[in-house]
Protein backbone atom coordinates (compact mmCIF):
# COMPACT_ATOMS: atom_id res chain seq x y z
CA MET A 1 48.77 37.20 -83.21
CA LYS A 2 45.16 37.45 -81.93
CA ILE A 3 44.92 33.70 -81.37
CA LYS A 4 48.27 33.71 -79.28
CA ILE A 5 47.09 36.41 -77.08
CA ARG A 6 43.84 34.65 -76.58
CA SER A 7 45.46 31.46 -75.68
CA ILE A 8 47.93 33.18 -73.14
CA ILE A 9 44.93 34.75 -71.52
CA ILE A 10 42.90 31.32 -71.35
CA THR A 11 46.18 29.53 -70.16
CA SER A 12 46.78 32.21 -67.25
CA LEU A 13 43.12 32.32 -66.19
CA ALA A 14 43.11 28.29 -66.16
CA THR A 15 46.27 28.42 -64.05
CA MET A 16 45.02 31.01 -61.69
CA ILE A 17 41.92 28.99 -61.07
CA THR A 18 43.88 25.89 -60.21
CA ALA A 19 46.23 27.70 -58.27
CA MET A 20 43.66 29.15 -55.89
CA PRO A 21 43.21 26.17 -53.47
CA LEU A 22 46.89 25.76 -53.31
CA ALA A 23 47.32 29.33 -52.31
CA GLN A 24 44.69 28.95 -49.60
CA ALA A 25 46.59 25.80 -48.10
CA SER A 26 49.25 26.25 -45.45
CA HIS A 27 52.84 24.91 -46.12
CA ASN A 28 52.26 21.95 -44.04
CA GLY A 29 49.12 20.82 -45.74
CA HIS A 30 46.27 22.22 -43.47
CA GLU A 31 43.62 24.15 -45.08
CA ARG A 32 42.98 27.92 -44.20
CA ASN A 33 39.94 29.68 -44.12
CA ALA A 34 40.27 32.04 -47.16
CA ALA A 35 38.50 35.14 -45.32
CA ASP A 36 40.98 34.71 -42.24
CA LEU A 37 44.24 33.70 -43.82
CA ASP A 38 46.45 34.90 -40.90
CA ASN A 39 44.46 32.63 -38.27
CA PHE A 40 44.34 28.98 -38.85
CA ILE A 41 44.25 25.65 -36.84
CA VAL A 42 46.92 23.13 -36.56
CA LYS A 43 47.34 20.01 -34.65
CA ALA A 44 50.43 19.12 -32.35
CA LYS A 45 51.58 15.82 -30.70
CA VAL A 46 50.87 15.54 -26.98
CA VAL A 47 53.88 14.47 -25.08
CA ASN A 48 52.51 14.52 -21.38
CA VAL A 49 49.03 14.84 -19.63
CA THR A 50 48.90 15.33 -15.88
CA PRO A 51 45.61 15.58 -13.88
CA ILE A 52 45.43 18.40 -11.47
CA PHE A 53 43.66 17.33 -8.38
CA LYS A 54 41.55 19.41 -5.71
CA TYR A 55 40.44 18.19 -2.49
CA VAL A 56 36.64 19.00 -1.49
CA THR A 57 35.24 18.26 1.74
CA ILE A 58 31.53 17.30 1.69
CA ASN A 59 29.21 17.53 4.99
CA THR A 60 26.34 15.16 5.10
CA PRO A 61 23.82 15.44 7.93
CA THR A 62 23.36 11.86 9.09
CA GLU A 63 20.75 10.58 11.78
CA ARG A 64 22.46 8.29 14.48
CA CYS A 65 20.20 6.52 16.85
CA TYR A 66 21.16 4.60 20.16
CA LYS A 67 19.77 3.29 23.12
CA GLU A 68 20.08 4.78 26.39
CA ARG A 69 19.48 3.19 29.76
CA VAL A 70 16.83 5.08 31.69
CA THR A 71 15.07 4.35 35.16
CA HIS A 72 11.46 4.47 35.46
CA THR A 73 9.34 4.89 38.50
CA ASP A 74 5.94 3.64 38.97
CA TYR A 75 3.81 4.92 41.75
CA ASN A 76 0.83 2.82 43.02
CA ASP A 77 -1.35 4.88 45.41
CA GLY A 78 -2.82 1.73 46.96
CA ASN A 79 -6.38 2.43 45.23
CA ARG A 80 -6.87 5.45 47.56
CA GLY A 81 -9.95 6.70 45.81
CA GLY A 82 -11.64 3.33 45.87
CA ARG A 83 -10.76 2.57 49.73
CA MET A 84 -11.85 6.37 50.77
CA LEU A 85 -15.12 5.75 49.06
CA LEU A 86 -15.76 2.27 50.54
CA GLY A 87 -14.42 3.48 53.89
CA GLY A 88 -16.96 6.43 53.83
CA ILE A 89 -20.05 4.36 52.93
CA ILE A 90 -19.25 2.01 55.58
CA GLY A 91 -18.62 4.78 58.12
CA GLY A 92 -21.89 6.49 56.91
CA VAL A 93 -24.01 3.29 57.44
CA ILE A 94 -22.49 2.64 60.83
CA GLY A 95 -23.02 6.46 61.84
CA ASN A 96 -26.63 6.27 60.53
CA ASN A 97 -27.30 2.88 62.58
CA ILE A 98 -26.21 4.19 66.01
CA GLY A 99 -28.61 6.27 67.91
CA ARG A 100 -32.16 7.79 67.02
CA GLY A 101 -33.57 10.86 66.07
CA GLU A 102 -32.20 14.13 64.30
CA SER A 103 -28.74 13.24 65.19
CA ARG A 104 -28.67 10.07 63.06
CA LYS A 105 -27.85 12.31 60.01
CA ALA A 106 -25.03 14.10 61.71
CA ARG A 107 -23.77 10.74 62.98
CA ALA A 108 -23.85 9.36 59.38
CA VAL A 109 -21.87 12.45 58.06
CA VAL A 110 -19.08 11.98 60.98
CA GLY A 111 -19.10 8.06 60.20
CA ALA A 112 -18.79 8.80 56.59
CA LEU A 113 -15.78 11.20 57.28
CA ILE A 114 -14.03 8.82 59.85
CA GLY A 115 -14.66 5.94 57.44
CA SER A 116 -12.86 7.86 54.69
CA GLN A 117 -9.91 8.68 56.79
CA ILE A 118 -9.77 4.85 57.80
CA GLY A 119 -9.87 4.22 54.15
CA SER A 120 -7.03 6.65 53.46
CA SER A 121 -4.91 5.04 56.06
CA ILE A 122 -5.30 1.72 54.62
CA ALA A 123 -4.39 2.95 51.23
CA ASP A 124 -1.26 4.40 52.57
CA LYS A 125 -0.29 1.10 54.04
CA HIS A 126 -0.72 -0.61 50.38
CA ALA A 127 0.78 2.34 48.38
CA TYR A 128 4.22 1.73 46.87
CA THR A 129 6.65 2.99 44.42
CA GLN A 130 8.39 0.84 42.07
CA GLN A 131 11.43 1.48 39.83
CA TYR A 132 12.95 -0.40 36.95
CA ALA A 133 15.51 -0.08 34.40
CA GLY A 134 14.88 -0.01 30.64
CA TYR A 135 16.13 1.55 27.47
CA GLN A 136 14.97 4.07 25.32
CA GLN A 137 15.84 5.04 21.80
CA ARG A 138 17.29 8.42 21.21
CA CYS A 139 18.45 10.05 17.93
CA ASP A 140 20.57 13.07 17.02
CA VAL A 141 21.76 14.22 13.79
CA GLN A 142 25.46 14.77 13.10
CA ASN A 143 27.42 16.16 10.25
CA VAL A 144 29.59 13.63 8.81
CA SER A 145 32.45 14.99 6.84
CA GLU A 146 34.01 13.51 3.86
CA THR A 147 37.07 14.61 1.69
CA ARG A 148 37.09 13.64 -1.93
CA LYS A 149 39.71 14.04 -4.47
CA GLN A 150 38.27 15.47 -7.80
CA ILE A 151 39.91 16.35 -10.95
CA GLU A 152 40.02 19.94 -11.67
CA GLY A 153 41.81 19.91 -15.05
CA TYR A 154 44.91 18.86 -16.74
CA ASN A 155 48.31 20.07 -17.37
CA VAL A 156 49.07 19.21 -20.93
CA SER A 157 52.49 19.51 -22.62
CA TYR A 158 52.66 19.33 -26.39
CA LYS A 159 55.48 19.77 -28.94
CA PHE A 160 55.23 22.28 -31.74
CA ARG A 161 57.93 23.11 -34.35
CA GLY A 162 60.40 21.31 -32.13
CA HIS A 163 59.51 23.29 -28.82
CA VAL A 164 57.60 21.71 -25.94
CA PHE A 165 54.87 23.85 -24.52
CA THR A 166 52.54 23.36 -21.48
CA THR A 167 49.14 24.66 -20.85
CA THR A 168 46.19 23.90 -18.55
CA MET A 169 43.02 22.45 -19.96
CA PRO A 170 39.42 21.46 -18.58
CA TYR A 171 39.65 17.84 -20.41
CA ASN A 172 42.27 15.38 -21.46
CA PRO A 173 42.78 16.23 -25.31
CA GLY A 174 44.23 12.82 -26.06
CA HIS A 175 47.14 12.15 -28.49
CA LYS A 176 46.67 15.46 -30.44
CA ILE A 177 45.83 19.07 -29.51
CA LYS A 178 44.33 21.67 -31.63
CA LEU A 179 46.29 24.77 -31.82
CA ARG A 180 45.15 28.06 -33.20
CA VAL A 181 48.01 29.89 -35.01
CA ASN A 182 47.59 33.53 -35.63
CA LEU A 183 50.15 35.34 -37.84
CA SER A 184 50.89 38.95 -37.12
CA PRO A 185 53.78 41.13 -38.05
CA VAL A 186 56.55 42.03 -35.56
CA ILE A 187 56.91 45.75 -35.43
CA ASN A 188 60.13 46.95 -33.87
């Protein structure tokens, strides 16, 4: 009888050791975490994936350059400074050569002043303004707006135990989606 009891104990232990991995597997063949038997992951078939779009406006500062028609004015003073100087020298020499004595210096000064005035008058006759048209490059900065279509996420429909469920995901899961199944009792 001792041998029979011993063989029953050994057979029971062997059966328990063999059955432990099977007890940890779920009914559909997915392995469960032994420490968390009421929370496990299964895969479900994805039946539809639809991208969710959003529109984003991007402002980019852009420099735009163009040629603008402008009018330039040049002024030629008829060489006023040179003509006044030359007129003053000639007038001073002439005034200095007319007459004698102390008054020669005064006549030279008066001659120089008169000669300068004559030089200025001659410069006025030769002075002119000239206008001409040209182009000048101008640049300004403008914001160029561009609206872009971006994927914000995906609406994913999947089938689990004969029912279709829909969720939103940040990426396309492909043909299968992982589901975390959490078992908990229903308390009425």
